Amino acid sequence: MPKSSYTVPGLSDKEGAEVAELLQKALSRYNDLHLTLKHVHWNVVGPNFIGVHEMIDPQVELVRGYADEAAERIAALGASPKGTPGAIESDRTWDDYSVNRDTAQAHLAALNLVYNGVIEDTRKSIERLGEIDPVSEDMLIGHAAELEKFQWFVRAHLENAGGELVSAGASSEKAAASKAKKD
């Protein structure tokens, strides 16, 4: 990652570079997530189409805002944020979203797994940032809270009266989508 000759006051150059790298991973996660959400928005069908279609757009805007915040913090740290498709690909530790045109339940079950991964990775970054940069840590804590709330919205569609998710136990997006359609 190209670096300026400065970072924020109170961090060493090494710490600033590490924080920027953690935030670059977040930037790529957020860029991937908002594109995935738009994909779902365009490909959801079925009886609950309009509710899910309209529920997704505010989340897209929120996640795009998170990407912007992460990128601006990277720049403030003296590094160069990368928002290109290649950056997403090189930072990706997950598979591309695997569900195309399908029902609301199928997409929501798959999205639940996407949010599991995004939130888990964000929490790992929060843990490390807590040791070196409370400003960036605080930013990601705010992001995580909203991401967890939206995942709750998703899960509310997938939960049965007994409190179990219809896609429980699925380990892939396609498997989650398939289980949700059988319920």
C-alpha atoms as a PDB file:
ATOM      1  CA  MET A   1       0.000   0.000   0.000  1.00  0.00           C
ATOM      2  CA  PRO A   2       1.637   3.319  -1.034  1.00  0.00           C
ATOM      3  CA  LYS A   3       2.393   5.395   2.046  1.00  0.00           C
ATOM      4  CA  SER A   4       2.921   9.074   2.724  1.00  0.00           C
ATOM      5  CA  SER A   5       5.656  10.307   5.005  1.00  0.00           C
ATOM      6  CA  TYR A   6       3.199  10.764   7.886  1.00  0.00           C
ATOM      7  CA  THR A   7       0.483   9.100   9.901  1.00  0.00           C
ATOM      8  CA  VAL A   8      -1.898  10.440  12.552  1.00  0.00           C
ATOM      9  CA  PRO A   9      -0.346  11.880  15.711  1.00  0.00           C
ATOM     10  CA  GLY A  10       0.155   9.329  18.464  1.00  0.00           C
ATOM     11  CA  LEU A  11       0.762   6.372  16.158  1.00  0.00           C
ATOM     12  CA  SER A  12       4.123   5.196  14.946  1.00  0.00           C
ATOM     13  CA  ASP A  13       4.570   4.765  11.197  1.00  0.00           C
ATOM     14  CA  LYS A  14       4.450   1.000  11.731  1.00  0.00           C
ATOM     15  CA  GLU A  15       1.201   1.225  13.717  1.00  0.00           C
ATOM     16  CA  GLY A  16      -0.319   3.588  11.161  1.00  0.00           C
ATOM     17  CA  ALA A  17       0.525   1.158   8.375  1.00  0.00           C
ATOM     18  CA  GLU A  18      -1.011  -1.760  10.284  1.00  0.00           C
ATOM     19  CA  VAL A  19      -4.184   0.203  10.996  1.00  0.00           C
ATOM     20  CA  ALA A  20      -4.402   1.238   7.328  1.00  0.00           C
ATOM     21  CA  GLU A  21      -4.035  -2.396   6.274  1.00  0.00           C
ATOM     22  CA  LEU A  22      -6.821  -3.520   8.632  1.00  0.00           C
ATOM     23  CA  LEU A  23      -9.029  -0.725   7.322  1.00  0.00           C
ATOM     24  CA  GLN A  24      -8.202  -1.661   3.717  1.00  0.00           C
ATOM     25  CA  LYS A  25      -9.574  -5.126   4.432  1.00  0.00           C
ATOM     26  CA  ALA A  26     -12.717  -3.487   5.857  1.00  0.00           C
ATOM     27  CA  LEU A  27     -12.987  -1.236   2.791  1.00  0.00           C
ATOM     28  CA  SER A  28     -12.880  -4.285   0.515  1.00  0.00           C
ATOM     29  CA  ARG A  29     -15.452  -6.126   2.685  1.00  0.00           C
ATOM     30  CA  TYR A  30     -17.791  -3.140   2.545  1.00  0.00           C
ATOM     31  CA  ASN A  31     -17.389  -2.659  -1.199  1.00  0.00           C
ATOM     32  CA  ASP A  32     -18.097  -6.347  -1.756  1.00  0.00           C
ATOM     33  CA  LEU A  33     -21.074  -6.262   0.614  1.00  0.00           C
ATOM     34  CA  HIS A  34     -22.788  -3.270  -0.963  1.00  0.00           C
ATOM     35  CA  LEU A  35     -22.374  -4.820  -4.412  1.00  0.00           C
ATOM     36  CA  THR A  36     -23.756  -8.128  -3.104  1.00  0.00           C
ATOM     37  CA  LEU A  37     -26.715  -6.335  -1.560  1.00  0.00           C
ATOM     38  CA  LYS A  38     -27.493  -4.626  -4.885  1.00  0.00           C
ATOM     39  CA  HIS A  39     -27.230  -8.012  -6.600  1.00  0.00           C
ATOM     40  CA  VAL A  40     -29.845  -9.374  -4.183  1.00  0.00           C
ATOM     41  CA  HIS A  41     -31.988  -6.254  -4.669  1.00  0.00           C
ATOM     42  CA  TRP A  42     -32.039  -6.885  -8.431  1.00  0.00           C
ATOM     43  CA  ASN A  43     -32.520 -10.672  -8.241  1.00  0.00           C
ATOM     44  CA  VAL A  44     -35.050 -11.247  -5.472  1.00  0.00           C
ATOM     45  CA  VAL A  45     -38.446 -12.626  -6.565  1.00  0.00           C
ATOM     46  CA  GLY A  46     -41.540 -14.120  -5.005  1.00  0.00           C
ATOM     47  CA  PRO A  47     -44.353 -13.116  -2.660  1.00  0.00           C
ATOM     48  CA  ASN A  48     -42.098 -11.080  -0.327  1.00  0.00           C
ATOM     49  CA  PHE A  49     -40.271  -9.406  -3.201  1.00  0.00           C
ATOM     50  CA  ILE A  50     -41.185  -5.775  -2.511  1.00  0.00           C
ATOM     51  CA  GLY A  51     -40.521  -5.898   1.224  1.00  0.00           C
ATOM     52  CA  VAL A  52     -37.041  -7.375   0.763  1.00  0.00           C
ATOM     53  CA  HIS A  53     -36.316  -5.262  -2.320  1.00  0.00           C
ATOM     54  CA  GLU A  54     -37.090  -2.078  -0.357  1.00  0.00           C
ATOM     55  CA  MET A  55     -35.390  -3.279   2.845  1.00  0.00           C
ATOM     56  CA  ILE A  56     -32.069  -3.703   1.052  1.00  0.00           C
ATOM     57  CA  ASP A  57     -31.506  -0.233  -0.465  1.00  0.00           C
ATOM     58  CA  PRO A  58     -31.061   1.641   2.844  1.00  0.00           C
ATOM     59  CA  GLN A  59     -28.499  -0.989   3.854  1.00  0.00           C
ATOM     60  CA  VAL A  60     -26.665  -0.507   0.551  1.00  0.00           C
ATOM     61  CA  GLU A  61     -26.390   3.213   1.251  1.00  0.00           C
ATOM     62  CA  LEU A  62     -25.257   2.619   4.832  1.00  0.00           C
ATOM     63  CA  VAL A  63     -22.544   0.155   3.775  1.00  0.00           C
ATOM     64  CA  ARG A  64     -21.384   2.483   0.977  1.00  0.00           C
ATOM     65  CA  GLY A  65     -21.002   5.131   3.679  1.00  0.00           C
ATOM     66  CA  TYR A  66     -18.906   2.725   5.752  1.00  0.00           C
ATOM     67  CA  ALA A  67     -16.646   2.170   2.757  1.00  0.00           C
ATOM     68  CA  ASP A  68     -16.213   5.928   2.429  1.00  0.00           C
ATOM     69  CA  GLU A  69     -15.432   6.319   6.145  1.00  0.00           C
ATOM     70  CA  ALA A  70     -12.865   3.512   6.021  1.00  0.00           C
ATOM     71  CA  ALA A  71     -11.243   4.975   2.878  1.00  0.00           C
ATOM     72  CA  GLU A  72     -11.040   8.454   4.376  1.00  0.00           C
ATOM     73  CA  ARG A  73      -9.492   7.084   7.574  1.00  0.00           C
ATOM     74  CA  ILE A  74      -6.918   5.198   5.488  1.00  0.00           C
ATOM     75  CA  ALA A  75      -6.038   8.473   3.740  1.00  0.00           C
ATOM     76  CA  ALA A  76      -5.821  10.298   7.097  1.00  0.00           C
ATOM     77  CA  LEU A  77      -3.332   7.639   8.205  1.00  0.00           C
ATOM     78  CA  GLY A  78      -1.148   8.590   5.239  1.00  0.00           C
ATOM     79  CA  ALA A  79      -1.925   5.537   3.110  1.00  0.00           C
ATOM     80  CA  SER A  80      -3.734   5.187  -0.198  1.00  0.00           C
ATOM     81  CA  PRO A  81      -7.147   3.493  -0.062  1.00  0.00           C
ATOM     82  CA  LYS A  82      -7.864   1.038  -2.853  1.00  0.00           C
ATOM     83  CA  GLY A  83     -11.473   0.825  -3.981  1.00  0.00           C
ATOM     84  CA  THR A  84     -11.000  -1.120  -7.196  1.00  0.00           C
ATOM     85  CA  PRO A  85     -12.444  -4.519  -8.131  1.00  0.00           C
ATOM     86  CA  GLY A  86      -8.884  -5.854  -8.027  1.00  0.00           C
ATOM     87  CA  ALA A  87      -8.517  -4.708  -4.420  1.00  0.00           C
ATOM     88  CA  ILE A  88     -11.706  -6.534  -3.474  1.00  0.00           C
ATOM     89  CA  GLU A  89     -10.423  -9.670  -5.167  1.00  0.00           C
ATOM     90  CA  SER A  90      -6.972  -9.523  -3.563  1.00  0.00           C
ATOM     91  CA  ASP A  91      -8.363  -8.842  -0.067  1.00  0.00           C
ATOM     92  CA  ARG A  92     -11.151 -11.398  -0.348  1.00  0.00           C
ATOM     93  CA  THR A  93     -11.041 -14.349   2.034  1.00  0.00           C
ATOM     94  CA  TRP A  94     -14.552 -15.407   1.025  1.00  0.00           C
ATOM     95  CA  ASP A  95     -16.225 -16.761  -2.092  1.00  0.00           C
ATOM     96  CA  ASP A  96     -18.258 -14.621  -4.456  1.00  0.00           C
ATOM     97  CA  TYR A  97     -21.991 -14.515  -3.701  1.00  0.00           C
ATOM     98  CA  SER A  98     -23.470 -17.628  -5.265  1.00  0.00           C
ATOM     99  CA  VAL A  99     -27.233 -17.057  -5.511  1.00  0.00           C
ATOM    100  CA  ASN A 100     -28.776 -15.495  -8.606  1.00  0.00           C
ATOM    101  CA  ARG A 101     -32.490 -14.980  -9.325  1.00  0.00           C
ATOM    102  CA  ASP A 102     -34.295 -16.612  -6.410  1.00  0.00           C
ATOM    103  CA  THR A 103     -36.937 -16.140  -3.732  1.00  0.00           C
ATOM    104  CA  ALA A 104     -36.729 -13.669  -0.892  1.00  0.00           C
ATOM    105  CA  GLN A 105     -36.271 -16.502   1.611  1.00  0.00           C
ATOM    106  CA  ALA A 106     -33.445 -18.026  -0.398  1.00  0.00           C
ATOM    107  CA  HIS A 107     -31.582 -14.735  -0.691  1.00  0.00           C
ATOM    108  CA  LEU A 108     -32.106 -13.835   2.958  1.00  0.00           C
ATOM    109  CA  ALA A 109     -30.776 -17.214   4.075  1.00  0.00           C
ATOM    110  CA  ALA A 110     -27.694 -16.724   1.907  1.00  0.00           C
ATOM    111  CA  LEU A 111     -27.282 -13.119   3.105  1.00  0.00           C
ATOM    112  CA  ASN A 112     -27.358 -14.306   6.700  1.00  0.00           C
ATOM    113  CA  LEU A 113     -24.172 -16.268   6.000  1.00  0.00           C
ATOM    114  CA  VAL A 114     -22.628 -13.272   4.237  1.00  0.00           C
ATOM    115  CA  TYR A 115     -23.311 -11.141   7.299  1.00  0.00           C
ATOM    116  CA  ASN A 116     -21.819 -13.824   9.554  1.00  0.00           C
ATOM    117  CA  GLY A 117     -18.537 -13.514   7.667  1.00  0.00           C
ATOM    118  CA  VAL A 118     -18.523  -9.715   7.446  1.00  0.00           C
ATOM    119  CA  ILE A 119     -19.327  -9.308  11.136  1.00  0.00           C
ATOM    120  CA  GLU A 120     -16.813 -11.941  12.265  1.00  0.00           C
ATOM    121  CA  ASP A 121     -14.034 -10.287  10.243  1.00  0.00           C
ATOM    122  CA  THR A 122     -15.047  -6.842  11.505  1.00  0.00           C
ATOM    123  CA  ARG A 123     -14.943  -8.045  15.109  1.00  0.00           C
ATOM    124  CA  LYS A 124     -11.446  -9.474  14.580  1.00  0.00           C
ATOM    125  CA  SER A 125     -10.311  -6.095  13.263  1.00  0.00           C
ATOM    126  CA  ILE A 126     -11.939  -4.343  16.222  1.00  0.00           C
ATOM    127  CA  GLU A 127     -10.036  -6.577  18.613  1.00  0.00           C
ATOM    128  CA  ARG A 128      -6.666  -5.716  17.057  1.00  0.00           C
ATOM    129  CA  LEU A 129      -7.483  -2.024  16.622  1.00  0.00           C
ATOM    130  CA  GLY A 130      -8.352  -1.850  20.323  1.00  0.00           C
ATOM    131  CA  GLU A 131      -4.688  -2.460  21.030  1.00  0.00           C
ATOM    132  CA  ILE A 132      -3.310   0.275  18.745  1.00  0.00           C
ATOM    133  CA  ASP A 133      -5.908   2.805  17.517  1.00  0.00           C
ATOM    134  CA  PRO A 134      -9.064   3.552  19.497  1.00  0.00           C
ATOM    135  CA  VAL A 135     -10.296   6.010  16.844  1.00  0.00           C
ATOM    136  CA  SER A 136     -10.415   3.366  14.120  1.00  0.00           C
ATOM    137  CA  GLU A 137     -11.682   0.818  16.647  1.00  0.00           C
ATOM    138  CA  ASP A 138     -14.576   3.140  17.533  1.00  0.00           C
ATOM    139  CA  MET A 139     -15.448   3.618  13.870  1.00  0.00           C
ATOM    140  CA  LEU A 140     -15.633  -0.143  13.259  1.00  0.00           C
ATOM    141  CA  ILE A 141     -17.595  -0.691  16.479  1.00  0.00           C
ATOM    142  CA  GLY A 142     -20.263   1.660  15.131  1.00  0.00           C
ATOM    143  CA  HIS A 143     -20.257  -0.167  11.814  1.00  0.00           C
ATOM    144  CA  ALA A 144     -20.524  -3.564  13.514  1.00  0.00           C
ATOM    145  CA  ALA A 145     -23.514  -2.453  15.594  1.00  0.00           C
ATOM    146  CA  GLU A 146     -25.474  -1.440  12.495  1.00  0.00           C
ATOM    147  CA  LEU A 147     -24.416  -4.534  10.539  1.00  0.00           C
ATOM    148  CA  GLU A 148     -25.572  -6.728  13.430  1.00  0.00           C
ATOM    149  CA  LYS A 149     -28.899  -4.888  13.540  1.00  0.00           C
ATOM    150  CA  PHE A 150     -29.473  -5.448   9.830  1.00  0.00           C
ATOM    151  CA  GLN A 151     -28.566  -9.113  10.221  1.00  0.00           C
ATOM    152  CA  TRP A 152     -31.270  -9.258  12.874  1.00  0.00           C
ATOM    153  CA  PHE A 153     -33.729  -7.877  10.268  1.00  0.00           C
ATOM    154  CA  VAL A 154     -32.617 -10.620   7.884  1.00  0.00           C
ATOM    155  CA  ARG A 155     -32.868 -13.324  10.541  1.00  0.00           C
ATOM    156  CA  ALA A 156     -36.356 -12.188  11.586  1.00  0.00           C
ATOM    157  CA  HIS A 157     -37.535 -13.310   8.133  1.00  0.00           C
ATOM    158  CA  LEU A 158     -35.853 -16.692   8.593  1.00  0.00           C
ATOM    159  CA  GLU A 159     -36.890 -17.519  12.141  1.00  0.00           C
ATOM    160  CA  ASN A 160     -39.736 -19.901  12.912  1.00  0.00           C
ATOM    161  CA  ALA A 161     -42.023 -19.646  15.946  1.00  0.00           C
ATOM    162  CA  GLY A 162     -39.658 -21.900  17.887  1.00  0.00           C
ATOM    163  CA  GLY A 163     -36.782 -19.468  17.437  1.00  0.00           C
ATOM    164  CA  GLU A 164     -34.853 -21.619  14.964  1.00  0.00           C
ATOM    165  CA  LEU A 165     -33.517 -20.311  11.671  1.00  0.00           C
ATOM    166  CA  VAL A 166     -34.907 -22.201   8.678  1.00  0.00           C
ATOM    167  CA  SER A 167     -31.394 -22.302   7.263  1.00  0.00           C
ATOM    168  CA  ALA A 168     -29.729 -23.512  10.471  1.00  0.00           C
ATOM    169  CA  GLY A 169     -26.706 -25.699   9.883  1.00  0.00           C
ATOM    170  CA  ALA A 170     -26.115 -24.593   6.296  1.00  0.00           C
ATOM    171  CA  SER A 171     -22.461 -23.945   5.569  1.00  0.00           C
ATOM    172  CA  SER A 172     -22.759 -22.418   2.102  1.00  0.00           C
ATOM    173  CA  GLU A 173     -24.980 -19.767   0.581  1.00  0.00           C
ATOM    174  CA  LYS A 174     -26.512 -22.240  -1.883  1.00  0.00           C
ATOM    175  CA  ALA A 175     -27.221 -24.724   0.919  1.00  0.00           C
ATOM    176  CA  ALA A 176     -28.803 -21.990   3.055  1.00  0.00           C
ATOM    177  CA  ALA A 177     -30.918 -20.848   0.110  1.00  0.00           C
ATOM    178  CA  SER A 178     -32.012 -24.422  -0.583  1.00  0.00           C
ATOM    179  CA  LYS A 179     -32.983 -25.067   3.063  1.00  0.00           C
ATOM    180  CA  ALA A 180     -34.956 -21.821   3.205  1.00  0.00           C
ATOM    181  CA  LYS A 181     -36.973 -22.770   0.129  1.00  0.00           C
ATOM    182  CA  LYS A 182     -37.928 -26.159   1.651  1.00  0.00           C
ATOM    183  CA  ASP A 183     -39.418 -24.605   4.756  1.00  0.00           C
END
